[in-house]
Amino acid sequence: VQLQASGGGLVQPGGSLRLSCAASGNFLGIDEWEWYRQFPGKQRELVARISDRNSTEYAVSVKGRFTISRDDGKNTVWLQMTALSPEDTAVYYCKGDFYTDEVRADYWGQGTQVTVSS
């Protein structure tokens, strides 16, 4: 399984970005998708989660500003980020909980840098 994350970049405070993460490879399906972010020198922290039933959860710091969504036909998850502030500057990672007939496993995307700066 491979995950390809994209959509990061430089944006001004108050701006928006949309991250995407597309999965490819051999699997039957994806239960949960998650987006994490990592600040320099810190551990990754959960930003948002979406279940296979489209139930969502958000970190308090992003609730109301970020929206996670998925398209199972495209094996893709998105993170729409609005009202961005410099405090959102981090490397963002997607993670999926994949399953086949026999196993379940988590896979991570490669990370995409989001920089919020004027």
Protein backbone atom coordinates (compact mmCIF):
# COMPACT_ATOMS: atom_id res chain seq x y z
CA VAL A 1 0.00 0.00 0.00
CA GLN A 2 1.26 3.45 -0.89
CA LEU A 3 -0.13 6.78 0.22
CA GLN A 4 0.55 9.93 -1.74
CA ALA A 5 -0.10 13.15 0.12
CA SER A 6 -0.21 16.51 -1.59
CA GLY A 7 -1.56 20.01 -1.32
CA GLY A 8 0.77 21.60 1.17
CA GLY A 9 2.49 24.89 0.58
CA LEU A 10 2.87 28.46 1.71
CA VAL A 11 -0.27 30.41 2.55
CA GLN A 12 -0.94 33.73 4.23
CA PRO A 13 -2.68 33.92 7.60
CA GLY A 14 -6.40 33.60 7.14
CA GLY A 15 -5.96 31.61 3.98
CA SER A 16 -7.00 28.10 3.05
CA LEU A 17 -5.40 24.94 1.79
CA ARG A 18 -6.75 21.57 0.84
CA LEU A 19 -4.61 18.53 1.50
CA SER A 20 -5.26 15.25 -0.23
CA CYS A 21 -4.00 11.74 0.33
CA ALA A 22 -4.57 9.00 -2.21
CA ALA A 23 -4.02 5.32 -1.57
CA SER A 24 -2.97 2.67 -4.03
CA GLY A 25 -2.00 -0.97 -3.80
CA ASN A 26 -3.57 -4.23 -2.72
CA PHE A 27 -6.25 -3.88 -0.10
CA LEU A 28 -9.95 -4.45 0.28
CA GLY A 29 -10.84 -1.30 2.08
CA ILE A 30 -9.98 1.44 4.52
CA ASP A 31 -11.60 1.78 7.90
CA GLU A 32 -10.39 5.01 9.42
CA TRP A 33 -8.47 7.81 7.84
CA GLU A 34 -6.58 10.26 9.99
CA TRP A 35 -4.58 13.41 9.52
CA TYR A 36 -1.75 14.20 11.90
CA ARG A 37 0.64 17.09 12.09
CA GLN A 38 4.07 17.44 13.52
CA PHE A 39 5.67 20.62 14.79
CA PRO A 40 9.47 20.84 14.87
CA GLY A 41 10.83 18.93 17.82
CA LYS A 42 7.41 17.60 18.78
CA GLN A 43 5.55 14.33 18.39
CA ARG A 44 2.86 13.96 15.80
CA GLU A 45 -0.55 14.98 17.00
CA LEU A 46 -3.93 13.94 15.71
CA VAL A 47 -5.72 16.63 13.77
CA ALA A 48 -8.77 14.87 12.40
CA ARG A 49 -10.26 11.43 11.98
CA ILE A 50 -13.00 10.05 9.76
CA SER A 51 -14.52 6.61 10.11
CA ASP A 52 -15.80 4.34 7.39
CA ARG A 53 -19.26 5.64 8.27
CA ASN A 54 -18.10 9.24 7.83
CA SER A 55 -18.14 9.97 11.53
CA THR A 56 -15.59 12.70 12.18
CA GLU A 57 -13.52 13.92 15.09
CA TYR A 58 -11.29 16.96 15.35
CA ALA A 59 -8.64 18.31 17.61
CA VAL A 60 -9.92 21.22 19.64
CA SER A 61 -7.38 23.53 18.00
CA VAL A 62 -8.80 22.96 14.52
CA LYS A 63 -12.48 22.33 15.15
CA GLY A 64 -14.62 24.64 13.08
CA ARG A 65 -11.74 25.49 10.75
CA PHE A 66 -10.71 22.12 9.30
CA THR A 67 -12.90 19.57 7.56
CA ILE A 68 -11.94 15.98 6.84
CA SER A 69 -13.70 14.07 4.09
CA ARG A 70 -13.21 10.89 2.11
CA ASP A 71 -14.12 9.25 -1.16
CA ASP A 72 -13.90 5.49 -0.96
CA GLY A 73 -14.28 5.11 -4.69
CA LYS A 74 -11.08 7.09 -5.12
CA ASN A 75 -9.40 5.75 -1.97
CA THR A 76 -8.71 9.35 -1.05
CA VAL A 77 -9.02 11.52 2.01
CA TRP A 78 -8.93 15.30 2.11
CA LEU A 79 -8.31 17.88 4.77
CA GLN A 80 -9.82 21.26 3.98
CA MET A 81 -8.11 23.87 6.12
CA THR A 82 -9.48 27.37 6.49
CA ALA A 83 -8.68 30.40 8.64
CA LEU A 84 -5.10 29.23 8.84
CA SER A 85 -2.75 30.82 11.33
CA PRO A 86 1.01 30.60 11.80
CA GLU A 87 0.31 28.14 14.62
CA ASP A 88 -0.89 25.67 11.98
CA THR A 89 2.54 25.56 10.38
CA ALA A 90 3.66 21.95 10.50
CA VAL A 91 4.24 18.85 8.44
CA TYR A 92 0.93 17.11 7.87
CA TYR A 93 0.66 13.36 7.53
CA CYS A 94 -2.21 11.13 6.50
CA LYS A 95 -2.73 7.69 7.92
CA GLY A 96 -5.10 4.97 6.85
CA ASP A 97 -6.26 1.80 8.56
CA PHE A 98 -6.23 -0.71 5.70
CA TYR A 99 -7.53 -4.22 5.62
CA THR A 100 -7.37 -7.24 3.36
CA ASP A 101 -8.87 -10.71 3.74
CA GLU A 102 -6.25 -11.59 6.28
CA VAL A 103 -4.68 -8.59 7.88
CA ARG A 104 -5.19 -5.03 8.99
CA ALA A 105 -2.41 -2.50 8.99
CA ASP A 106 -1.84 1.22 9.26
CA TYR A 107 0.03 3.06 6.54
CA TRP A 108 1.36 6.61 6.56
CA GLY A 109 1.75 9.12 3.83
CA GLN A 110 5.05 10.87 3.31
CA GLY A 111 4.07 14.18 4.88
CA THR A 112 3.37 17.52 3.27
CA GLN A 113 4.63 20.83 4.61
CA VAL A 114 2.13 23.55 5.43
CA THR A 115 3.59 26.97 6.15
CA VAL A 116 1.38 29.85 7.21
CA SER A 117 3.23 33.12 7.00
CA SER A 118 2.85 36.63 5.67
